[in-house]
Amino acid sequence: QADRRGLQTDRRTGEAYRRTGEAYRRTGGQARPTDGQADRRGLQTDRRTGEAYRRTGGQTRPTGGQTRPTGGQTRPTGGQTRPTGGQTRPTGGQTRPTGGQTRPTGGQTRPTGGQTRPTGGQTRPTGGQTRPTGGQTRPTGGQTRPTGGQTRPTGGQTRPTGGQTRPTGGQTRPTGGQTRPTGGQTRPTGGQTRPTGGQTRPTGGQTRPTDG
């Protein structure tokens, strides 16, 4: 309707105005620019940047004309980093599924596994690498996951309640030694509790092996 009446609608305000020559007028006939000085000079002030620009043929030219355009484009390219980033997630999500499957079979990853964690990012290899674009965060993120990632494995029970997740669980880590090996020998006699585990946590990953 505004177009048929020779008017144009301002996208930001939804207000209809009539375009005449360089300056466009509100339907009430008042000049659009709120800045009187800019108006007298035939310029208009951008409300967002405070920058004056001249309107010619309906196209706005930022006085630094390139400032907003390239600025606008930086966002798009910026936006694209996340899009392709976002796409890494989709493919990434798939990496973790297969990745998730490595975890499910995961005990096996962790058996030799604690060592896979050291090489850990490689447990989600393609996954960790998908983040590299977005996701060098998770690479190092992947290593943050080791603390956090361990929440994911058997997961929801998380590490905090964690001991319960990893071992046979309910017996938890505290009573843990009993959960893992022959157990009763417990942690105190510890190394004996996880024979091959006996190398215990120090060599750590080897603790899980017999568990996995």
N, C-alpha and C. Protein backbone atom coordinates (compact mmCIF):
# COMPACT_ATOMS: atom_id res chain seq x y z
N GLN A 1 0.83 -1.20 0.00
CA GLN A 1 0.00 0.00 0.00
C GLN A 1 0.86 1.25 0.00
N ALA A 2 1.87 1.27 0.84
CA ALA A 2 2.73 2.44 0.89
C ALA A 2 3.37 2.68 -0.48
N ASP A 3 3.72 1.60 -1.16
CA ASP A 3 4.37 1.73 -2.46
C ASP A 3 3.40 2.32 -3.47
N ARG A 4 2.16 1.89 -3.46
CA ARG A 4 1.18 2.39 -4.42
C ARG A 4 0.95 3.89 -4.23
N ARG A 5 1.03 4.33 -3.00
CA ARG A 5 0.80 5.74 -2.74
C ARG A 5 2.07 6.57 -2.98
N GLY A 6 3.08 5.93 -3.54
CA GLY A 6 4.32 6.65 -3.80
C GLY A 6 5.13 6.83 -2.53
N LEU A 7 4.83 6.01 -1.52
CA LEU A 7 5.56 6.11 -0.26
C LEU A 7 6.49 4.91 -0.12
N GLN A 8 7.33 5.00 0.85
CA GLN A 8 8.23 3.89 1.14
C GLN A 8 8.24 3.67 2.63
N THR A 9 8.46 2.44 3.03
CA THR A 9 8.39 2.13 4.46
C THR A 9 9.79 1.97 5.04
N ASP A 10 10.01 2.63 6.16
CA ASP A 10 11.30 2.52 6.83
C ASP A 10 11.36 1.18 7.54
N ARG A 11 12.39 0.41 7.25
CA ARG A 11 12.46 -0.93 7.80
C ARG A 11 12.59 -0.94 9.31
N ARG A 12 13.30 0.05 9.82
CA ARG A 12 13.55 0.04 11.26
C ARG A 12 12.34 0.47 12.07
N THR A 13 11.66 1.52 11.55
CA THR A 13 10.56 2.07 12.35
C THR A 13 9.20 1.61 11.87
N GLY A 14 9.14 1.08 10.64
CA GLY A 14 7.86 0.69 10.10
C GLY A 14 7.05 1.90 9.67
N GLU A 15 7.69 3.05 9.62
CA GLU A 15 7.00 4.30 9.29
C GLU A 15 7.07 4.55 7.79
N ALA A 16 5.96 5.02 7.22
CA ALA A 16 5.94 5.30 5.78
C ALA A 16 6.43 6.71 5.53
N TYR A 17 7.21 6.89 4.48
CA TYR A 17 7.69 8.22 4.13
C TYR A 17 7.70 8.34 2.61
N ARG A 18 7.67 9.61 2.15
CA ARG A 18 7.68 9.87 0.72
C ARG A 18 9.09 10.26 0.31
N ARG A 19 9.55 9.66 -0.79
CA ARG A 19 10.91 9.95 -1.24
C ARG A 19 10.85 11.03 -2.31
N THR A 20 11.57 12.12 -2.11
CA THR A 20 11.60 13.20 -3.10
C THR A 20 13.04 13.63 -3.28
N GLY A 21 13.57 13.38 -4.44
CA GLY A 21 14.95 13.79 -4.71
C GLY A 21 15.89 13.09 -3.75
N GLU A 22 16.77 13.88 -3.10
CA GLU A 22 17.73 13.30 -2.18
C GLU A 22 17.09 13.01 -0.83
N ALA A 23 16.30 13.94 -0.38
CA ALA A 23 15.73 13.78 0.96
C ALA A 23 14.37 13.13 0.85
N TYR A 24 14.03 12.31 1.83
CA TYR A 24 12.70 11.74 1.82
C TYR A 24 11.92 12.31 2.98
N ARG A 25 10.60 12.42 2.77
CA ARG A 25 9.78 13.10 3.74
C ARG A 25 8.80 12.15 4.39
N ARG A 26 8.55 12.46 5.64
CA ARG A 26 7.50 11.71 6.31
C ARG A 26 6.17 12.07 5.67
N THR A 27 5.17 11.22 5.89
CA THR A 27 3.87 11.50 5.30
C THR A 27 3.37 12.83 5.83
N GLY A 28 3.83 13.24 7.01
CA GLY A 28 3.43 14.53 7.55
C GLY A 28 4.24 15.67 6.94
N GLY A 29 5.11 15.36 5.99
CA GLY A 29 5.83 16.40 5.29
C GLY A 29 7.07 16.88 6.00
N GLN A 30 7.37 16.32 7.18
CA GLN A 30 8.56 16.76 7.89
C GLN A 30 9.76 15.97 7.40
N ALA A 31 10.88 16.66 7.38
CA ALA A 31 12.10 15.98 6.94
C ALA A 31 12.46 14.91 7.95
N ARG A 32 12.99 13.81 7.45
CA ARG A 32 13.26 12.66 8.27
C ARG A 32 14.37 12.87 9.28
N PRO A 33 15.47 13.47 8.86
CA PRO A 33 16.60 13.55 9.78
C PRO A 33 16.20 14.27 11.04
N THR A 34 16.59 13.75 12.15
CA THR A 34 16.30 14.41 13.41
C THR A 34 17.37 15.48 13.66
N ASP A 35 18.50 15.34 13.00
CA ASP A 35 19.58 16.30 13.18
C ASP A 35 19.38 17.44 12.21
N GLY A 36 18.99 18.62 12.70
CA GLY A 36 18.70 19.74 11.83
C GLY A 36 19.90 20.17 11.02
N GLN A 37 21.07 20.14 11.61
CA GLN A 37 22.26 20.57 10.88
C GLN A 37 22.54 19.63 9.71
N ALA A 38 22.46 18.37 9.97
CA ALA A 38 22.70 17.42 8.89
C ALA A 38 21.68 17.64 7.79
N ASP A 39 20.46 17.96 8.16
CA ASP A 39 19.41 18.16 7.18
C ASP A 39 19.72 19.37 6.31
N ARG A 40 20.17 20.46 6.91
CA ARG A 40 20.47 21.66 6.14
C ARG A 40 21.58 21.41 5.13
N ARG A 41 22.49 20.56 5.52
CA ARG A 41 23.59 20.27 4.60
C ARG A 41 23.20 19.22 3.56
N GLY A 42 21.92 18.82 3.60
CA GLY A 42 21.48 17.80 2.65
C GLY A 42 21.93 16.42 3.07
N LEU A 43 22.33 16.28 4.34
CA LEU A 43 22.80 14.99 4.83
C LEU A 43 21.77 14.41 5.78
N GLN A 44 21.99 13.19 6.12
CA GLN A 44 21.11 12.54 7.08
C GLN A 44 21.99 11.80 8.08
N THR A 45 21.52 11.70 9.29
CA THR A 45 22.33 11.08 10.33
C THR A 45 21.82 9.68 10.61
N ASP A 46 22.77 8.75 10.61
CA ASP A 46 22.39 7.38 10.93
C ASP A 46 22.16 7.27 12.43
N ARG A 47 21.00 6.77 12.80
CA ARG A 47 20.67 6.73 14.23
C ARG A 47 21.58 5.79 15.00
N ARG A 48 22.02 4.74 14.33
CA ARG A 48 22.81 3.75 15.06
C ARG A 48 24.26 4.18 15.24
N THR A 49 24.84 4.77 14.19
CA THR A 49 26.26 5.11 14.27
C THR A 49 26.50 6.59 14.53
N GLY A 50 25.48 7.42 14.32
CA GLY A 50 25.68 8.85 14.46
C GLY A 50 26.44 9.43 13.29
N GLU A 51 26.59 8.63 12.23
CA GLU A 51 27.37 9.06 11.08
C GLU A 51 26.44 9.75 10.07
N ALA A 52 26.92 10.85 9.50
CA ALA A 52 26.09 11.55 8.51
C ALA A 52 26.35 10.95 7.14
N TYR A 53 25.30 10.82 6.35
CA TYR A 53 25.47 10.29 5.00
C TYR A 53 24.51 11.04 4.08
N ARG A 54 24.84 11.03 2.80
CA ARG A 54 24.02 11.72 1.81
C ARG A 54 23.17 10.68 1.09
N ARG A 55 21.87 11.00 0.96
CA ARG A 55 20.99 10.07 0.27
C ARG A 55 20.90 10.48 -1.19
N THR A 56 21.19 9.55 -2.08
CA THR A 56 21.14 9.85 -3.51
C THR A 56 20.40 8.73 -4.20
N GLY A 57 19.28 9.06 -4.78
CA GLY A 57 18.53 8.05 -5.52
C GLY A 57 18.05 6.94 -4.62
N GLY A 58 17.93 7.24 -3.36
CA GLY A 58 17.38 6.24 -2.46
C GLY A 58 18.42 5.32 -1.88
N GLN A 59 19.66 5.39 -2.39
CA GLN A 59 20.70 4.56 -1.81
C GLN A 59 21.45 5.39 -0.78
N THR A 60 21.73 4.79 0.34
CA THR A 60 22.45 5.55 1.35
C THR A 60 23.93 5.30 1.18
N ARG A 61 24.68 6.37 1.23
CA ARG A 61 26.12 6.22 1.15
C ARG A 61 26.68 6.60 2.50
N PRO A 62 27.21 5.72 3.25
CA PRO A 62 27.89 6.16 4.46
C PRO A 62 28.98 7.11 4.02
N THR A 63 29.24 8.14 4.82
CA THR A 63 30.24 9.11 4.39
C THR A 63 31.55 8.38 4.18
N GLY A 64 31.77 7.33 4.92
CA GLY A 64 32.96 6.55 4.68
C GLY A 64 32.56 5.38 3.83
N GLY A 65 31.51 5.50 3.12
CA GLY A 65 30.73 4.49 2.39
C GLY A 65 31.20 3.08 2.64
N GLN A 66 32.47 2.84 2.68
CA GLN A 66 32.97 1.49 2.82
C GLN A 66 32.82 0.98 4.25
N THR A 67 32.62 1.91 5.15
CA THR A 67 32.65 1.48 6.54
C THR A 67 31.52 0.50 6.84
N ARG A 68 30.30 0.88 6.49
CA ARG A 68 29.23 -0.04 6.83
C ARG A 68 29.23 -1.27 5.94
N PRO A 69 29.44 -1.06 4.60
CA PRO A 69 29.43 -2.21 3.72
C PRO A 69 30.42 -3.26 4.17
N THR A 70 31.70 -2.84 4.24
CA THR A 70 32.67 -3.84 4.64
C THR A 70 32.32 -4.31 6.04
N GLY A 71 31.81 -3.37 6.85
CA GLY A 71 31.41 -3.77 8.18
C GLY A 71 30.31 -4.83 8.09
N GLY A 72 29.34 -4.55 7.24
CA GLY A 72 28.27 -5.51 7.10
C GLY A 72 28.81 -6.84 6.64
N GLN A 73 29.78 -6.77 5.78
CA GLN A 73 30.34 -8.01 5.24
C GLN A 73 31.18 -8.75 6.26
N THR A 74 31.76 -8.00 7.17
CA THR A 74 32.54 -8.71 8.18
C THR A 74 31.63 -9.62 8.99
N ARG A 75 30.44 -9.15 9.27
CA ARG A 75 29.50 -10.00 9.98
C ARG A 75 29.19 -11.26 9.20
N PRO A 76 28.82 -11.05 7.89
CA PRO A 76 28.52 -12.23 7.09
C PRO A 76 29.67 -13.22 7.13
N THR A 77 30.90 -12.70 6.87
CA THR A 77 32.00 -13.64 6.91
C THR A 77 32.11 -14.20 8.31
N GLY A 78 31.88 -13.30 9.28
CA GLY A 78 31.90 -13.78 10.65
C GLY A 78 30.81 -14.82 10.85
N GLY A 79 29.65 -14.49 10.33
CA GLY A 79 28.56 -15.43 10.46
C GLY A 79 28.92 -16.74 9.82
N GLN A 80 29.67 -16.64 8.74
CA GLN A 80 30.01 -17.85 8.02
C GLN A 80 30.98 -18.72 8.81
N THR A 81 31.76 -18.09 9.64
CA THR A 81 32.66 -18.91 10.44
C THR A 81 31.84 -19.84 11.31
N ARG A 82 30.78 -19.28 11.88
CA ARG A 82 29.99 -20.16 12.70
C ARG A 82 29.17 -21.13 11.88
N PRO A 83 28.63 -20.67 10.70
CA PRO A 83 27.91 -21.62 9.87
C PRO A 83 28.75 -22.82 9.54
N THR A 84 29.91 -22.55 8.90
CA THR A 84 30.75 -23.69 8.61
C THR A 84 31.08 -24.36 9.93
N GLY A 85 31.24 -23.51 10.95
CA GLY A 85 31.44 -24.08 12.28
C GLY A 85 30.23 -24.93 12.64
N GLY A 86 29.06 -24.34 12.42
CA GLY A 86 27.86 -25.07 12.76
C GLY A 86 27.79 -26.37 12.00
N GLN A 87 28.27 -26.33 10.77
CA GLN A 87 28.23 -27.53 9.97
C GLN A 87 29.24 -28.55 10.48
N THR A 88 30.32 -28.06 11.06
CA THR A 88 31.23 -29.03 11.63
C THR A 88 30.54 -29.79 12.74
N ARG A 89 29.68 -29.07 13.47
CA ARG A 89 28.95 -29.76 14.51
C ARG A 89 28.07 -30.87 13.95
N PRO A 90 27.26 -30.50 12.90
CA PRO A 90 26.44 -31.56 12.33
C PRO A 90 27.29 -32.75 11.96
N THR A 91 28.35 -32.48 11.18
CA THR A 91 29.23 -33.59 10.90
C THR A 91 29.88 -34.00 12.21
N GLY A 92 30.09 -32.97 13.04
CA GLY A 92 30.69 -33.23 14.34
C GLY A 92 29.80 -34.14 15.15
N GLY A 93 28.51 -33.83 15.12
CA GLY A 93 27.60 -34.67 15.89
C GLY A 93 27.77 -36.10 15.44
N GLN A 94 28.01 -36.25 14.16
CA GLN A 94 28.17 -37.59 13.64
C GLN A 94 29.49 -38.19 14.10
N THR A 95 30.47 -37.32 14.28
CA THR A 95 31.73 -37.86 14.76
C THR A 95 31.56 -38.40 16.16
N ARG A 96 30.80 -37.66 16.94
CA ARG A 96 30.65 -38.14 18.29
C ARG A 96 29.78 -39.38 18.37
N PRO A 97 28.74 -39.46 17.50
CA PRO A 97 28.01 -40.72 17.45
C PRO A 97 28.98 -41.86 17.25
N THR A 98 29.71 -41.79 16.13
CA THR A 98 30.72 -42.82 15.98
C THR A 98 31.68 -42.69 17.15
N GLY A 99 31.90 -41.39 17.53
CA GLY A 99 32.72 -41.15 18.71
C GLY A 99 32.03 -41.78 19.90
N GLY A 100 30.72 -41.52 19.97
CA GLY A 100 29.98 -42.06 21.09
C GLY A 100 30.11 -43.56 21.11
N GLN A 101 30.15 -44.13 19.94
CA GLN A 101 30.28 -45.57 19.87
C GLN A 101 31.67 -46.01 20.32
N THR A 102 32.64 -45.14 20.09
CA THR A 102 33.95 -45.52 20.60
C THR A 102 33.90 -45.58 22.12
N ARG A 103 33.14 -44.65 22.70
CA ARG A 103 32.98 -44.69 24.13
C ARG A 103 32.21 -45.92 24.56
N PRO A 104 31.04 -46.18 23.89
CA PRO A 104 30.31 -47.38 24.27
C PRO A 104 31.21 -48.58 24.21
N THR A 105 31.87 -48.74 23.05
CA THR A 105 32.88 -49.76 22.99
C THR A 105 34.01 -49.25 23.86
N GLY A 106 33.75 -47.98 24.25
CA GLY A 106 34.66 -47.11 24.96
C GLY A 106 35.47 -47.73 26.04
N GLY A 107 34.87 -48.55 26.85
CA GLY A 107 35.67 -49.13 27.88
C GLY A 107 36.93 -49.65 27.24
N GLN A 108 36.78 -50.08 26.02
CA GLN A 108 37.95 -50.59 25.32
C GLN A 108 38.89 -49.46 24.95
N THR A 109 38.28 -48.32 24.63
CA THR A 109 39.18 -47.20 24.34
C THR A 109 39.91 -46.83 25.62
N ARG A 110 39.19 -46.90 26.71
CA ARG A 110 39.79 -46.50 27.95
C ARG A 110 40.71 -47.59 28.48
N PRO A 111 40.41 -48.89 28.20
CA PRO A 111 41.31 -49.94 28.66
C PRO A 111 42.72 -49.59 28.28
N THR A 112 42.97 -49.75 27.01
CA THR A 112 44.23 -49.18 26.58
C THR A 112 44.02 -47.70 26.77
N GLY A 113 42.78 -47.44 27.06
CA GLY A 113 42.04 -46.22 26.98
C GLY A 113 42.60 -45.06 27.68
N GLY A 114 42.92 -45.17 28.95
CA GLY A 114 43.45 -44.01 29.61
C GLY A 114 44.51 -43.45 28.70
N GLN A 115 45.12 -44.33 27.99
CA GLN A 115 46.15 -43.88 27.05
C GLN A 115 45.49 -43.24 25.83
N THR A 116 44.28 -43.71 25.49
CA THR A 116 43.61 -43.04 24.37
C THR A 116 43.29 -41.62 24.78
N ARG A 117 42.97 -41.41 26.05
CA ARG A 117 42.68 -40.05 26.48
C ARG A 117 43.91 -39.18 26.35
N PRO A 118 45.06 -39.72 26.82
CA PRO A 118 46.26 -38.91 26.62
C PRO A 118 46.34 -38.50 25.16
N THR A 119 46.18 -39.49 24.28
CA THR A 119 46.09 -39.17 22.87
C THR A 119 44.67 -38.68 22.63
N GLY A 120 43.90 -38.68 23.67
CA GLY A 120 42.49 -38.46 23.85
C GLY A 120 41.72 -37.79 22.76
N GLY A 121 42.17 -36.63 22.35
CA GLY A 121 41.44 -35.95 21.30
C GLY A 121 41.21 -36.93 20.18
N GLN A 122 42.08 -37.89 20.06
CA GLN A 122 41.97 -38.85 18.98
C GLN A 122 40.81 -39.81 19.19
N THR A 123 40.32 -39.88 20.42
CA THR A 123 39.13 -40.69 20.58
C THR A 123 38.00 -40.07 19.79
N ARG A 124 38.02 -38.71 19.72
CA ARG A 124 37.05 -38.06 18.85
C ARG A 124 37.78 -37.48 17.67
N PRO A 125 38.67 -38.24 17.07
CA PRO A 125 39.63 -37.65 16.15
C PRO A 125 38.96 -36.73 15.17
N THR A 126 38.21 -37.35 14.26
CA THR A 126 37.62 -36.50 13.24
C THR A 126 36.77 -35.48 13.96
N GLY A 127 36.23 -35.88 15.09
CA GLY A 127 35.40 -34.95 15.84
C GLY A 127 36.23 -33.79 16.35
N GLY A 128 37.31 -34.13 17.01
CA GLY A 128 38.12 -33.06 17.53
C GLY A 128 38.57 -32.16 16.40
N GLN A 129 38.81 -32.75 15.26
CA GLN A 129 39.31 -31.98 14.15
C GLN A 129 38.21 -31.15 13.52
N THR A 130 36.97 -31.59 13.65
CA THR A 130 35.90 -30.76 13.11
C THR A 130 35.85 -29.46 13.87
N ARG A 131 36.07 -29.52 15.17
CA ARG A 131 36.06 -28.31 15.95
C ARG A 131 37.22 -27.41 15.58
N PRO A 132 38.34 -28.01 15.12
CA PRO A 132 39.48 -27.14 14.85
C PRO A 132 39.05 -25.84 14.22
N THR A 133 38.09 -25.91 13.29
CA THR A 133 37.68 -24.62 12.77
C THR A 133 36.94 -23.88 13.86
N GLY A 134 35.98 -24.56 14.45
CA GLY A 134 35.29 -23.89 15.51
C GLY A 134 36.01 -24.31 16.72
N GLY A 135 36.78 -25.26 16.44
CA GLY A 135 36.73 -26.10 17.49
C GLY A 135 38.03 -26.47 18.00
N GLN A 136 39.02 -25.72 17.71
CA GLN A 136 40.22 -25.90 18.50
C GLN A 136 39.85 -25.75 19.95
N THR A 137 38.68 -25.21 20.16
CA THR A 137 38.22 -25.13 21.55
C THR A 137 38.04 -26.52 22.12
N ARG A 138 37.43 -27.39 21.32
CA ARG A 138 37.24 -28.70 21.89
C ARG A 138 38.49 -29.54 21.83
N PRO A 139 39.37 -29.31 20.80
CA PRO A 139 40.64 -30.02 20.85
C PRO A 139 41.27 -29.82 22.20
N THR A 140 41.61 -28.55 22.45
CA THR A 140 41.98 -28.29 23.81
C THR A 140 40.74 -28.57 24.64
N GLY A 141 39.60 -28.33 23.97
CA GLY A 141 38.34 -28.66 24.59
C GLY A 141 38.29 -30.15 24.83
N GLY A 142 38.76 -30.89 23.82
CA GLY A 142 38.72 -32.33 24.00
C GLY A 142 39.47 -32.68 25.27
N GLN A 143 40.49 -31.92 25.51
CA GLN A 143 41.27 -32.19 26.70
C GLN A 143 40.55 -31.65 27.94
N THR A 144 39.73 -30.62 27.70
CA THR A 144 38.93 -30.20 28.83
C THR A 144 37.88 -31.26 29.11
N ARG A 145 37.43 -31.86 28.03
CA ARG A 145 36.49 -32.94 28.17
C ARG A 145 37.03 -34.08 29.02
N PRO A 146 38.34 -34.35 28.85
CA PRO A 146 38.84 -35.44 29.70
C PRO A 146 38.27 -35.30 31.09
N THR A 147 38.34 -34.08 31.59
CA THR A 147 37.67 -33.94 32.86
C THR A 147 36.18 -33.96 32.61
N GLY A 148 35.79 -33.20 31.56
CA GLY A 148 34.37 -33.13 31.28
C GLY A 148 33.93 -34.31 30.45
N GLY A 149 34.80 -34.70 29.55
CA GLY A 149 34.42 -35.75 28.61
C GLY A 149 34.08 -36.99 29.39
N GLN A 150 34.72 -37.14 30.50
CA GLN A 150 34.45 -38.31 31.31
C GLN A 150 33.03 -38.27 31.84
N THR A 151 32.46 -37.08 31.83
CA THR A 151 31.04 -37.03 32.19
C THR A 151 30.23 -37.67 31.09
N ARG A 152 30.68 -37.42 29.82
CA ARG A 152 29.93 -37.94 28.72
C ARG A 152 29.89 -39.45 28.66
N PRO A 153 31.04 -40.08 28.91
CA PRO A 153 31.15 -41.52 28.62
C PRO A 153 29.93 -42.30 29.04
N THR A 154 29.98 -42.76 30.28
CA THR A 154 28.76 -43.39 30.74
C THR A 154 27.88 -42.27 31.23
N GLY A 155 28.43 -41.17 31.31
CA GLY A 155 27.96 -39.87 31.13
C GLY A 155 27.17 -39.30 32.25
N GLY A 156 25.85 -39.36 32.11
CA GLY A 156 24.98 -38.53 32.90
C GLY A 156 25.33 -38.60 34.37
N GLN A 157 25.74 -39.75 34.81
CA GLN A 157 26.05 -39.82 36.23
C GLN A 157 27.22 -38.92 36.54
N THR A 158 27.98 -38.62 35.52
CA THR A 158 29.07 -37.62 35.59
C THR A 158 30.16 -38.05 36.55
N ARG A 159 31.24 -37.26 36.47
CA ARG A 159 32.35 -37.56 37.32
C ARG A 159 32.07 -37.22 38.77
N PRO A 160 31.38 -36.09 38.98
CA PRO A 160 31.15 -35.71 40.38
C PRO A 160 30.57 -36.89 41.15
N THR A 161 29.48 -37.42 40.63
CA THR A 161 28.96 -38.63 41.23
C THR A 161 29.76 -39.77 40.63
N GLY A 162 30.69 -39.33 39.79
CA GLY A 162 31.45 -40.11 38.83
C GLY A 162 31.90 -41.46 39.26
N GLY A 163 32.49 -41.56 40.41
CA GLY A 163 33.03 -42.85 40.77
C GLY A 163 31.94 -43.87 40.54
N GLN A 164 30.75 -43.46 40.77
CA GLN A 164 29.65 -44.39 40.61
C GLN A 164 29.44 -44.73 39.14
N THR A 165 29.77 -43.80 38.27
CA THR A 165 29.52 -44.09 36.87
C THR A 165 30.52 -45.11 36.34
N ARG A 166 31.78 -44.84 36.58
CA ARG A 166 32.77 -45.62 35.93
C ARG A 166 32.86 -47.03 36.46
N PRO A 167 33.03 -47.16 37.79
CA PRO A 167 33.28 -48.50 38.29
C PRO A 167 32.08 -49.37 37.98
N THR A 168 31.81 -50.31 38.82
CA THR A 168 30.55 -50.97 38.68
C THR A 168 29.56 -50.03 39.30
N GLY A 169 30.13 -48.99 39.82
CA GLY A 169 29.33 -47.82 40.08
C GLY A 169 28.88 -47.66 41.49
N GLY A 170 27.73 -48.20 41.82
CA GLY A 170 27.12 -47.88 43.08
C GLY A 170 28.11 -48.01 44.22
N GLN A 171 28.96 -48.99 44.10
CA GLN A 171 29.92 -49.15 45.19
C GLN A 171 30.85 -47.94 45.23
N THR A 172 30.87 -47.22 44.13
CA THR A 172 31.59 -45.94 44.06
C THR A 172 33.08 -46.11 44.23
N ARG A 173 33.75 -45.00 43.99
CA ARG A 173 35.18 -45.00 44.11
C ARG A 173 35.62 -45.12 45.55
N PRO A 174 34.93 -44.39 46.43
CA PRO A 174 35.37 -44.41 47.82
C PRO A 174 35.55 -45.84 48.30
N THR A 175 34.50 -46.63 48.16
CA THR A 175 34.63 -48.02 48.52
C THR A 175 35.32 -48.72 47.38
N GLY A 176 35.63 -47.88 46.38
CA GLY A 176 36.05 -48.27 45.04
C GLY A 176 36.93 -49.45 44.89
N GLY A 177 37.99 -49.51 45.62
CA GLY A 177 38.91 -50.60 45.36
C GLY A 177 38.12 -51.88 45.35
N GLN A 178 37.11 -51.92 46.18
CA GLN A 178 36.31 -53.13 46.24
C GLN A 178 35.52 -53.31 44.96
N THR A 179 35.18 -52.22 44.33
CA THR A 179 34.39 -52.35 43.11
C THR A 179 35.26 -52.95 42.01
N ARG A 180 36.47 -52.43 41.89
CA ARG A 180 37.19 -52.77 40.72
C ARG A 180 37.70 -54.19 40.68
N PRO A 181 38.78 -54.48 41.41
CA PRO A 181 39.45 -55.77 41.21
C PRO A 181 38.73 -56.85 42.00
N THR A 182 39.57 -57.62 42.69
CA THR A 182 39.00 -58.55 43.63
C THR A 182 38.47 -57.74 44.78
N GLY A 183 38.90 -56.51 44.76
CA GLY A 183 38.17 -55.52 45.54
C GLY A 183 38.50 -55.57 47.01
N GLY A 184 38.15 -56.64 47.62
CA GLY A 184 38.23 -56.69 49.05
C GLY A 184 39.60 -56.24 49.52
N GLN A 185 40.58 -56.50 48.70
CA GLN A 185 41.91 -56.02 49.11
C GLN A 185 41.91 -54.50 49.17
N THR A 186 40.93 -53.93 48.50
CA THR A 186 40.67 -52.49 48.65
C THR A 186 41.81 -51.64 48.15
N ARG A 187 41.60 -50.34 48.25
CA ARG A 187 42.57 -49.39 47.79
C ARG A 187 43.81 -49.39 48.67
N PRO A 188 43.61 -49.46 49.98
CA PRO A 188 44.79 -49.34 50.84
C PRO A 188 45.90 -50.24 50.35
N THR A 189 45.55 -51.51 50.12
CA THR A 189 46.54 -52.41 49.57
C THR A 189 46.59 -52.19 48.07
N GLY A 190 45.82 -51.25 47.66
CA GLY A 190 45.55 -50.76 46.33
C GLY A 190 46.20 -51.39 45.14
N GLY A 191 47.51 -51.30 45.02
CA GLY A 191 48.12 -51.77 43.79
C GLY A 191 47.66 -53.19 43.56
N GLN A 192 47.46 -53.91 44.63
CA GLN A 192 47.03 -55.29 44.49
C GLN A 192 45.58 -55.36 44.04
N THR A 193 44.86 -54.27 44.27
CA THR A 193 43.45 -54.31 43.89
C THR A 193 43.31 -54.31 42.39
N ARG A 194 44.14 -53.50 41.69
CA ARG A 194 44.03 -53.52 40.25
C ARG A 194 45.31 -54.08 39.70
N PRO A 195 45.58 -55.32 39.89
CA PRO A 195 46.85 -55.93 39.54
C PRO A 195 47.51 -55.23 38.38
N THR A 196 46.94 -55.50 37.21
CA THR A 196 47.49 -54.71 36.11
C THR A 196 47.13 -53.28 36.40
N GLY A 197 46.03 -53.14 37.12
CA GLY A 197 45.66 -51.82 37.60
C GLY A 197 46.69 -51.43 38.65
N GLY A 198 47.31 -52.43 39.21
CA GLY A 198 48.24 -52.17 40.28
C GLY A 198 49.22 -51.09 39.91
N GLN A 199 49.49 -51.02 38.63
CA GLN A 199 50.31 -49.86 38.26
C GLN A 199 49.53 -48.63 38.64
N THR A 200 48.25 -48.85 38.91
CA THR A 200 47.39 -47.83 39.57
C THR A 200 47.27 -46.58 38.76
N ARG A 201 46.77 -45.56 39.45
CA ARG A 201 46.46 -44.34 38.77
C ARG A 201 47.70 -43.68 38.18
N PRO A 202 48.84 -43.75 38.91
CA PRO A 202 49.99 -43.02 38.36
C PRO A 202 50.12 -43.28 36.88
N THR A 203 50.16 -44.58 36.51
CA THR A 203 50.17 -44.88 35.09
C THR A 203 48.74 -44.88 34.61
N GLY A 204 47.87 -44.80 35.52
CA GLY A 204 46.47 -44.45 35.36
C GLY A 204 45.69 -45.21 34.33
N GLY A 205 45.93 -44.92 33.07
CA GLY A 205 45.08 -45.49 32.04
C GLY A 205 45.07 -46.99 32.21
N GLN A 206 46.14 -47.55 32.71
CA GLN A 206 46.22 -48.98 32.84
C GLN A 206 45.34 -49.48 33.97
N THR A 207 44.85 -48.54 34.78
CA THR A 207 43.95 -48.97 35.84
C THR A 207 42.65 -49.45 35.23
N ARG A 208 42.20 -48.73 34.22
CA ARG A 208 40.93 -49.04 33.63
C ARG A 208 40.96 -50.32 32.83
N PRO A 209 42.09 -50.67 32.24
CA PRO A 209 42.13 -51.78 31.28
C PRO A 209 41.32 -52.97 31.77
N THR A 210 41.74 -53.54 32.90
CA THR A 210 41.05 -54.74 33.31
C THR A 210 39.59 -54.39 33.54
N ASP A 211 39.33 -53.11 33.88
CA ASP A 211 37.94 -52.73 34.08
C ASP A 211 37.19 -52.69 32.78
N GLY A 212 37.79 -52.06 31.82
CA GLY A 212 37.07 -51.88 30.56
C GLY A 212 36.49 -53.19 30.15
